[in-house]
PDB file of N, CA and C in Angstrom:
ATOM      1  N   UNK A   1       0.268 -20.406 -49.285  1.00  0.00           N
ATOM      2  CA  UNK A   1       0.400 -19.919 -47.695  1.00  0.00           C
ATOM      3  C   UNK A   1       1.048 -20.813 -47.013  1.00  0.00           C
ATOM      4  N   UNK A   2       2.340 -20.166 -46.162  1.00  0.00           N
ATOM      5  CA  UNK A   2       2.898 -21.425 -45.559  1.00  0.00           C
ATOM      6  C   UNK A   2       3.084 -20.788 -44.195  1.00  0.00           C
ATOM      7  N   UNK A   3       3.288 -21.786 -43.023  1.00  0.00           N
ATOM      8  CA  UNK A   3       3.153 -21.339 -41.711  1.00  0.00           C
ATOM      9  C   UNK A   3       4.975 -21.663 -41.267  1.00  0.00           C
ATOM     10  N   UNK A   4       5.321 -20.739 -40.467  1.00  0.00           N
ATOM     11  CA  UNK A   4       6.811 -20.722 -40.406  1.00  0.00           C
ATOM     12  C   UNK A   4       7.155 -20.426 -38.395  1.00  0.00           C
ATOM     13  N   UNK A   5       7.702 -20.907 -37.968  1.00  0.00           N
ATOM     14  CA  UNK A   5       7.480 -21.304 -36.295  1.00  0.00           C
ATOM     15  C   UNK A   5       8.961 -20.812 -35.806  1.00  0.00           C
ATOM     16  N   UNK A   6       8.465 -20.203 -34.934  1.00  0.00           N
ATOM     17  CA  UNK A   6      10.047 -19.002 -34.578  1.00  0.00           C
ATOM     18  C   UNK A   6       9.967 -19.351 -32.905  1.00  0.00           C
ATOM     19  N   UNK A   7      10.920 -19.999 -32.688  1.00  0.00           N
ATOM     20  CA  UNK A   7      11.014 -20.431 -30.875  1.00  0.00           C
ATOM     21  C   UNK A   7      11.885 -19.723 -30.539  1.00  0.00           C
ATOM     22  N   UNK A   8      11.703 -18.665 -29.389  1.00  0.00           N
ATOM     23  CA  UNK A   8      12.557 -17.830 -28.839  1.00  0.00           C
ATOM     24  C   UNK A   8      12.753 -18.946 -27.218  1.00  0.00           C
ATOM     25  N   UNK A   9      14.213 -18.759 -26.633  1.00  0.00           N
ATOM     26  CA  UNK A   9      14.408 -19.337 -26.022  1.00  0.00           C
ATOM     27  C   UNK A   9      15.628 -18.415 -25.038  1.00  0.00           C
ATOM     28  N   UNK A  10      15.617 -18.635 -23.844  1.00  0.00           N
ATOM     29  CA  UNK A  10      16.688 -17.723 -23.268  1.00  0.00           C
ATOM     30  C   UNK A  10      18.131 -18.309 -23.212  1.00  0.00           C
ATOM     31  N   UNK A  11      19.209 -17.450 -23.961  1.00  0.00           N
ATOM     32  CA  UNK A  11      20.290 -18.051 -23.911  1.00  0.00           C
ATOM     33  C   UNK A  11      20.702 -19.374 -22.540  1.00  0.00           C
ATOM     34  N   UNK A  12      21.439 -20.149 -22.705  1.00  0.00           N
ATOM     35  CA  UNK A  12      21.580 -21.042 -21.527  1.00  0.00           C
ATOM     36  C   UNK A  12      22.302 -20.065 -20.195  1.00  0.00           C
ATOM     37  N   UNK A  13      23.276 -19.479 -20.364  1.00  0.00           N
ATOM     38  CA  UNK A  13      23.748 -18.736 -19.634  1.00  0.00           C
ATOM     39  C   UNK A  13      22.854 -17.517 -19.015  1.00  0.00           C
ATOM     40  N   UNK A  14      21.397 -17.811 -19.043  1.00  0.00           N
ATOM     41  CA  UNK A  14      20.824 -16.791 -18.594  1.00  0.00           C
ATOM     42  C   UNK A  14      20.029 -17.522 -17.959  1.00  0.00           C
ATOM     43  N   UNK A  15      19.794 -16.907 -16.075  1.00  0.00           N
ATOM     44  CA  UNK A  15      19.000 -17.689 -15.734  1.00  0.00           C
ATOM     45  C   UNK A  15      17.217 -17.910 -15.935  1.00  0.00           C
ATOM     46  N   UNK A  16      16.880 -18.966 -15.657  1.00  0.00           N
ATOM     47  CA  UNK A  16      15.483 -18.835 -15.930  1.00  0.00           C
ATOM     48  C   UNK A  16      14.526 -19.329 -15.045  1.00  0.00           C
ATOM     49  N   UNK A  17      14.270 -18.133 -13.998  1.00  0.00           N
ATOM     50  CA  UNK A  17      13.118 -18.305 -12.900  1.00  0.00           C
ATOM     51  C   UNK A  17      11.704 -18.773 -13.058  1.00  0.00           C
ATOM     52  N   UNK A  18      11.220 -18.475 -14.205  1.00  0.00           N
ATOM     53  CA  UNK A  18      10.144 -19.707 -14.397  1.00  0.00           C
ATOM     54  C   UNK A  18      10.134 -20.329 -14.690  1.00  0.00           C
ATOM     55  N   UNK A  19      11.226 -20.761 -15.377  1.00  0.00           N
ATOM     56  CA  UNK A  19      11.704 -22.580 -15.344  1.00  0.00           C
ATOM     57  C   UNK A  19      11.536 -23.099 -14.376  1.00  0.00           C
ATOM     58  N   UNK A  20      12.342 -22.715 -13.844  1.00  0.00           N
ATOM     59  CA  UNK A  20      12.984 -23.088 -12.153  1.00  0.00           C
ATOM     60  C   UNK A  20      11.591 -23.050 -11.304  1.00  0.00           C
ATOM     61  N   UNK A  21      10.831 -22.180 -11.134  1.00  0.00           N
ATOM     62  CA  UNK A  21       9.767 -22.365 -10.567  1.00  0.00           C
ATOM     63  C   UNK A  21       8.574 -23.617 -10.985  1.00  0.00           C
ATOM     64  N   UNK A  22       8.504 -23.952 -12.199  1.00  0.00           N
ATOM     65  CA  UNK A  22       8.069 -24.731 -13.011  1.00  0.00           C
ATOM     66  C   UNK A  22       8.283 -26.235 -12.367  1.00  0.00           C
ATOM     67  N   UNK A  23       9.825 -26.161 -12.593  1.00  0.00           N
ATOM     68  CA  UNK A  23      10.707 -27.720 -12.281  1.00  0.00           C
ATOM     69  C   UNK A  23      10.239 -28.093 -10.696  1.00  0.00           C
ATOM     70  N   UNK A  24      10.566 -27.012  -9.727  1.00  0.00           N
ATOM     71  CA  UNK A  24      10.101 -27.401  -8.240  1.00  0.00           C
ATOM     72  C   UNK A  24       8.255 -27.288  -8.019  1.00  0.00           C
ATOM     73  N   UNK A  25       7.495 -26.868  -9.119  1.00  0.00           N
ATOM     74  CA  UNK A  25       6.064 -27.124  -8.740  1.00  0.00           C
ATOM     75  C   UNK A  25       5.604 -28.539  -9.398  1.00  0.00           C
ATOM     76  N   UNK A  26       6.301 -29.472 -10.528  1.00  0.00           N
ATOM     77  CA  UNK A  26       6.013 -30.433 -10.815  1.00  0.00           C
ATOM     78  C   UNK A  26       5.680 -31.484  -9.983  1.00  0.00           C
ATOM     79  N   UNK A  27       6.778 -31.765  -9.174  1.00  0.00           N
ATOM     80  CA  UNK A  27       6.823 -32.877  -7.936  1.00  0.00           C
ATOM     81  C   UNK A  27       5.547 -32.878  -7.410  1.00  0.00           C
ATOM     82  N   UNK A  28       5.254 -31.569  -7.093  1.00  0.00           N
ATOM     83  CA  UNK A  28       3.975 -31.345  -6.014  1.00  0.00           C
ATOM     84  C   UNK A  28       2.661 -31.590  -6.678  1.00  0.00           C
ATOM     85  N   UNK A  29       2.780 -31.615  -7.720  1.00  0.00           N
ATOM     86  CA  UNK A  29       1.415 -32.142  -8.767  1.00  0.00           C
ATOM     87  C   UNK A  29       1.733 -33.681  -8.856  1.00  0.00           C
ATOM     88  N   UNK A  30       2.612 -34.405  -8.544  1.00  0.00           N
ATOM     89  CA  UNK A  30       2.635 -35.867  -9.178  1.00  0.00           C
ATOM     90  C   UNK A  30       3.686 -36.391 -10.196  1.00  0.00           C
ATOM     91  N   UNK A  31       4.393 -35.137 -10.765  1.00  0.00           N
ATOM     92  CA  UNK A  31       4.997 -35.671 -12.079  1.00  0.00           C
ATOM     93  C   UNK A  31       6.560 -35.738 -11.121  1.00  0.00           C
ATOM     94  N   UNK A  32       7.237 -36.714 -11.717  1.00  0.00           N
ATOM     95  CA  UNK A  32       8.742 -37.067 -10.879  1.00  0.00           C
ATOM     96  C   UNK A  32       9.727 -37.166 -12.565  1.00  0.00           C
ATOM     97  N   UNK A  33      11.052 -37.327 -12.169  1.00  0.00           N
ATOM     98  CA  UNK A  33      11.834 -37.448 -13.099  1.00  0.00           C
ATOM     99  C   UNK A  33      12.430 -36.329 -13.896  1.00  0.00           C
ATOM    100  N   UNK A  34      12.133 -35.279 -13.678  1.00  0.00           N
ATOM    101  CA  UNK A  34      12.237 -34.091 -14.247  1.00  0.00           C
ATOM    102  C   UNK A  34      13.414 -33.298 -13.728  1.00  0.00           C
ATOM    103  N   UNK A  35      14.632 -32.773 -14.553  1.00  0.00           N
ATOM    104  CA  UNK A  35      15.821 -32.279 -13.607  1.00  0.00           C
ATOM    105  C   UNK A  35      15.738 -31.111 -13.898  1.00  0.00           C
ATOM    106  N   UNK A  36      15.075 -30.477 -15.096  1.00  0.00           N
ATOM    107  CA  UNK A  36      15.261 -29.084 -15.182  1.00  0.00           C
ATOM    108  C   UNK A  36      14.207 -28.585 -16.329  1.00  0.00           C
ATOM    109  N   UNK A  37      13.607 -27.235 -16.338  1.00  0.00           N
ATOM    110  CA  UNK A  37      12.446 -26.920 -17.481  1.00  0.00           C
ATOM    111  C   UNK A  37      13.355 -25.184 -17.587  1.00  0.00           C
ATOM    112  N   UNK A  38      13.210 -24.860 -18.997  1.00  0.00           N
ATOM    113  CA  UNK A  38      13.243 -23.622 -19.279  1.00  0.00           C
ATOM    114  C   UNK A  38      12.125 -23.323 -20.136  1.00  0.00           C
ATOM    115  N   UNK A  39      11.941 -22.239 -19.992  1.00  0.00           N
ATOM    116  CA  UNK A  39      10.640 -21.709 -20.364  1.00  0.00           C
ATOM    117  C   UNK A  39      10.673 -20.897 -21.861  1.00  0.00           C
ATOM    118  N   UNK A  40       9.922 -20.902 -22.786  1.00  0.00           N
ATOM    119  CA  UNK A  40      10.318 -20.097 -23.911  1.00  0.00           C
ATOM    120  C   UNK A  40       8.972 -19.653 -24.783  1.00  0.00           C
ATOM    121  N   UNK A  41       9.330 -19.081 -26.127  1.00  0.00           N
ATOM    122  CA  UNK A  41       7.857 -18.271 -26.557  1.00  0.00           C
ATOM    123  C   UNK A  41       7.978 -18.989 -27.806  1.00  0.00           C
ATOM    124  N   UNK A  42       7.080 -19.546 -28.557  1.00  0.00           N
ATOM    125  CA  UNK A  42       6.757 -19.815 -29.953  1.00  0.00           C
ATOM    126  C   UNK A  42       5.784 -18.977 -30.664  1.00  0.00           C
ATOM    127  N   UNK A  43       6.068 -18.462 -31.970  1.00  0.00           N
ATOM    128  CA  UNK A  43       5.145 -17.444 -32.508  1.00  0.00           C
ATOM    129  C   UNK A  43       5.007 -18.411 -33.701  1.00  0.00           C
ATOM    130  N   UNK A  44       4.069 -18.776 -34.185  1.00  0.00           N
ATOM    131  CA  UNK A  44       3.687 -18.865 -35.500  1.00  0.00           C
ATOM    132  C   UNK A  44       3.340 -17.625 -36.537  1.00  0.00           C
ATOM    133  N   UNK A  45       3.968 -17.619 -37.713  1.00  0.00           N
ATOM    134  CA  UNK A  45       3.762 -16.550 -38.360  1.00  0.00           C
ATOM    135  C   UNK A  45       3.116 -17.392 -40.102  1.00  0.00           C
ATOM    136  N   UNK A  46       2.427 -16.652 -40.184  1.00  0.00           N
ATOM    137  CA  UNK A  46       1.285 -17.057 -41.467  1.00  0.00           C
ATOM    138  C   UNK A  46       2.119 -16.463 -42.449  1.00  0.00           C
ATOM    139  N   UNK A  47       2.876 -16.804 -43.821  1.00  0.00           N
ATOM    140  CA  UNK A  47       3.054 -15.876 -44.922  1.00  0.00           C
ATOM    141  C   UNK A  47       1.957 -16.195 -45.829  1.00  0.00           C
ATOM    142  N   UNK A  48       2.019 -15.100 -46.357  1.00  0.00           N
ATOM    143  CA  UNK A  48       0.956 -15.082 -47.966  1.00  0.00           C
ATOM    144  C   UNK A  48       1.396 -15.674 -48.917  1.00  0.00           C
ATOM    145  N   UNK A  49       2.911 -16.159 -49.300  1.00  0.00           N
ATOM    146  CA  UNK A  49       3.289 -16.745 -50.146  1.00  0.00           C
ATOM    147  C   UNK A  49       4.142 -17.670 -49.904  1.00  0.00           C
ATOM    148  N   UNK A  50       5.147 -18.647 -50.344  1.00  0.00           N
ATOM    149  CA  UNK A  50       5.892 -19.886 -50.632  1.00  0.00           C
ATOM    150  C   UNK A  50       6.922 -19.255 -49.332  1.00  0.00           C
ATOM    151  N   UNK A  51       7.257 -20.460 -48.681  1.00  0.00           N
ATOM    152  CA  UNK A  51       8.343 -20.213 -47.623  1.00  0.00           C
ATOM    153  C   UNK A  51       9.762 -20.055 -48.138  1.00  0.00           C
ATOM    154  N   UNK A  52      10.079 -19.318 -49.256  1.00  0.00           N
ATOM    155  CA  UNK A  52      11.406 -19.572 -49.948  1.00  0.00           C
ATOM    156  C   UNK A  52      12.576 -18.768 -48.730  1.00  0.00           C
ATOM    157  N   UNK A  53      13.631 -18.798 -49.495  1.00  0.00           N
ATOM    158  CA  UNK A  53      14.853 -18.067 -48.711  1.00  0.00           C
ATOM    159  C   UNK A  53      14.482 -16.698 -48.370  1.00  0.00           C
ATOM    160  N   UNK A  54      13.900 -15.959 -49.308  1.00  0.00           N
ATOM    161  CA  UNK A  54      13.441 -14.761 -48.877  1.00  0.00           C
ATOM    162  C   UNK A  54      12.716 -14.789 -48.019  1.00  0.00           C
ATOM    163  N   UNK A  55      11.800 -15.147 -47.944  1.00  0.00           N
ATOM    164  CA  UNK A  55      10.445 -15.047 -46.738  1.00  0.00           C
ATOM    165  C   UNK A  55      11.113 -15.212 -45.749  1.00  0.00           C
ATOM    166  N   UNK A  56      11.891 -16.599 -45.586  1.00  0.00           N
ATOM    167  CA  UNK A  56      12.557 -16.784 -44.360  1.00  0.00           C
ATOM    168  C   UNK A  56      13.478 -15.986 -43.925  1.00  0.00           C
ATOM    169  N   UNK A  57      14.075 -15.380 -44.867  1.00  0.00           N
ATOM    170  CA  UNK A  57      15.025 -14.095 -44.518  1.00  0.00           C
ATOM    171  C   UNK A  57      14.306 -12.959 -43.459  1.00  0.00           C
ATOM    172  N   UNK A  58      12.991 -12.725 -44.014  1.00  0.00           N
ATOM    173  CA  UNK A  58      12.075 -11.630 -43.442  1.00  0.00           C
ATOM    174  C   UNK A  58      11.895 -11.925 -42.120  1.00  0.00           C
ATOM    175  N   UNK A  59      11.631 -13.318 -42.188  1.00  0.00           N
ATOM    176  CA  UNK A  59      11.107 -13.871 -40.740  1.00  0.00           C
ATOM    177  C   UNK A  59      12.191 -13.812 -39.758  1.00  0.00           C
ATOM    178  N   UNK A  60      13.332 -13.882 -40.166  1.00  0.00           N
ATOM    179  CA  UNK A  60      14.726 -13.919 -39.272  1.00  0.00           C
ATOM    180  C   UNK A  60      14.837 -12.515 -38.785  1.00  0.00           C
ATOM    181  N   UNK A  61      14.629 -11.527 -40.062  1.00  0.00           N
ATOM    182  CA  UNK A  61      14.454 -10.233 -39.336  1.00  0.00           C
ATOM    183  C   UNK A  61      13.370  -9.919 -38.383  1.00  0.00           C
ATOM    184  N   UNK A  62      12.350 -10.370 -38.757  1.00  0.00           N
ATOM    185  CA  UNK A  62      11.196  -9.877 -37.661  1.00  0.00           C
ATOM    186  C   UNK A  62      11.797 -10.434 -36.229  1.00  0.00           C
ATOM    187  N   UNK A  63      12.459 -11.662 -36.083  1.00  0.00           N
ATOM    188  CA  UNK A  63      12.739 -12.408 -34.853  1.00  0.00           C
ATOM    189  C   UNK A  63      13.724 -11.281 -34.133  1.00  0.00           C
ATOM    190  N   UNK A  64      14.817 -10.754 -35.417  1.00  0.00           N
ATOM    191  CA  UNK A  64      15.989  -9.996 -34.602  1.00  0.00           C
ATOM    192  C   UNK A  64      15.773  -8.695 -34.199  1.00  0.00           C
ATOM    193  N   UNK A  65      14.394  -8.123 -35.121  1.00  0.00           N
ATOM    194  CA  UNK A  65      13.749  -6.986 -34.671  1.00  0.00           C
ATOM    195  C   UNK A  65      12.822  -6.904 -33.204  1.00  0.00           C
ATOM    196  N   UNK A  66      12.148  -7.959 -33.410  1.00  0.00           N
ATOM    197  CA  UNK A  66      10.868  -7.713 -32.668  1.00  0.00           C
ATOM    198  C   UNK A  66      10.681  -8.824 -31.773  1.00  0.00           C
ATOM    199  N   UNK A  67      10.851 -10.171 -32.150  1.00  0.00           N
ATOM    200  CA  UNK A  67      10.647 -11.582 -31.450  1.00  0.00           C
ATOM    201  C   UNK A  67      11.345 -11.480 -30.536  1.00  0.00           C
ATOM    202  N   UNK A  68      12.635 -11.454 -30.598  1.00  0.00           N
ATOM    203  CA  UNK A  68      13.489 -11.979 -29.330  1.00  0.00           C
ATOM    204  C   UNK A  68      14.286 -10.578 -29.250  1.00  0.00           C
ATOM    205  N   UNK A  69      14.352 -10.930 -27.934  1.00  0.00           N
ATOM    206  CA  UNK A  69      15.839  -9.863 -27.265  1.00  0.00           C
ATOM    207  C   UNK A  69      17.155 -10.811 -27.447  1.00  0.00           C
ATOM    208  N   UNK A  70      17.681 -10.394 -28.657  1.00  0.00           N
ATOM    209  CA  UNK A  70      19.145 -11.322 -28.832  1.00  0.00           C
ATOM    210  C   UNK A  70      19.805 -11.262 -27.884  1.00  0.00           C
ATOM    211  N   UNK A  71      19.869 -10.078 -27.114  1.00  0.00           N
ATOM    212  CA  UNK A  71      20.870 -10.073 -26.292  1.00  0.00           C
ATOM    213  C   UNK A  71      21.093 -11.368 -24.774  1.00  0.00           C
ATOM    214  N   UNK A  72      19.519 -11.682 -24.777  1.00  0.00           N
ATOM    215  CA  UNK A  72      19.410 -12.441 -23.627  1.00  0.00           C
ATOM    216  C   UNK A  72      18.656 -14.105 -24.405  1.00  0.00           C
ATOM    217  N   UNK A  73      18.539 -13.909 -25.673  1.00  0.00           N
ATOM    218  CA  UNK A  73      17.579 -14.612 -26.185  1.00  0.00           C
ATOM    219  C   UNK A  73      18.352 -15.395 -27.506  1.00  0.00           C
ATOM    220  N   UNK A  74      17.921 -16.480 -27.921  1.00  0.00           N
ATOM    221  CA  UNK A  74      18.280 -17.205 -28.914  1.00  0.00           C
ATOM    222  C   UNK A  74      17.142 -17.468 -29.698  1.00  0.00           C
ATOM    223  N   UNK A  75      17.004 -17.967 -30.973  1.00  0.00           N
ATOM    224  CA  UNK A  75      15.800 -18.117 -31.579  1.00  0.00           C
ATOM    225  C   UNK A  75      16.129 -18.956 -32.672  1.00  0.00           C
ATOM    226  N   UNK A  76      15.102 -19.964 -33.042  1.00  0.00           N
ATOM    227  CA  UNK A  76      14.931 -20.846 -34.352  1.00  0.00           C
ATOM    228  C   UNK A  76      13.921 -20.532 -35.100  1.00  0.00           C
ATOM    229  N   UNK A  77      14.526 -20.567 -36.358  1.00  0.00           N
ATOM    230  CA  UNK A  77      13.038 -20.173 -37.390  1.00  0.00           C
ATOM    231  C   UNK A  77      12.904 -21.735 -38.346  1.00  0.00           C
ATOM    232  N   UNK A  78      11.770 -22.090 -38.203  1.00  0.00           N
ATOM    233  CA  UNK A  78      11.444 -23.289 -39.184  1.00  0.00           C
ATOM    234  C   UNK A  78      10.175 -23.627 -40.146  1.00  0.00           C
ATOM    235  N   UNK A  79      10.072 -23.855 -41.068  1.00  0.00           N
ATOM    236  CA  UNK A  79       8.969 -24.245 -41.938  1.00  0.00           C
ATOM    237  C   UNK A  79       7.798 -25.246 -41.435  1.00  0.00           C
ATOM    238  N   UNK A  80       6.812 -25.168 -40.864  1.00  0.00           N
ATOM    239  CA  UNK A  80       6.112 -26.041 -40.382  1.00  0.00           C
ATOM    240  C   UNK A  80       5.213 -26.984 -41.482  1.00  0.00           C
ATOM    241  N   UNK A  81       5.456 -28.143 -41.434  1.00  0.00           N
ATOM    242  CA  UNK A  81       5.427 -28.929 -42.772  1.00  0.00           C
ATOM    243  C   UNK A  81       4.483 -29.732 -42.728  1.00  0.00           C
TER     244      UNK A  81
END
């Protein structure tokens, strides 16, 4: 059994209003030194078998089809080890 992580983030050219709201709230909560925040999503996919290239290819298809909106989001796939 293997765990694969899919991280999804807005593309750099897409505005991130939630990230900006978080960045503005941090100083009010006593946190300093943060110039920007971008919010994303993390998916943990448990595979029944090993995380070989075929399985990772299927996870990439999942990301492109369902987990990420590839028009406005980028994603990365990695095996948690």
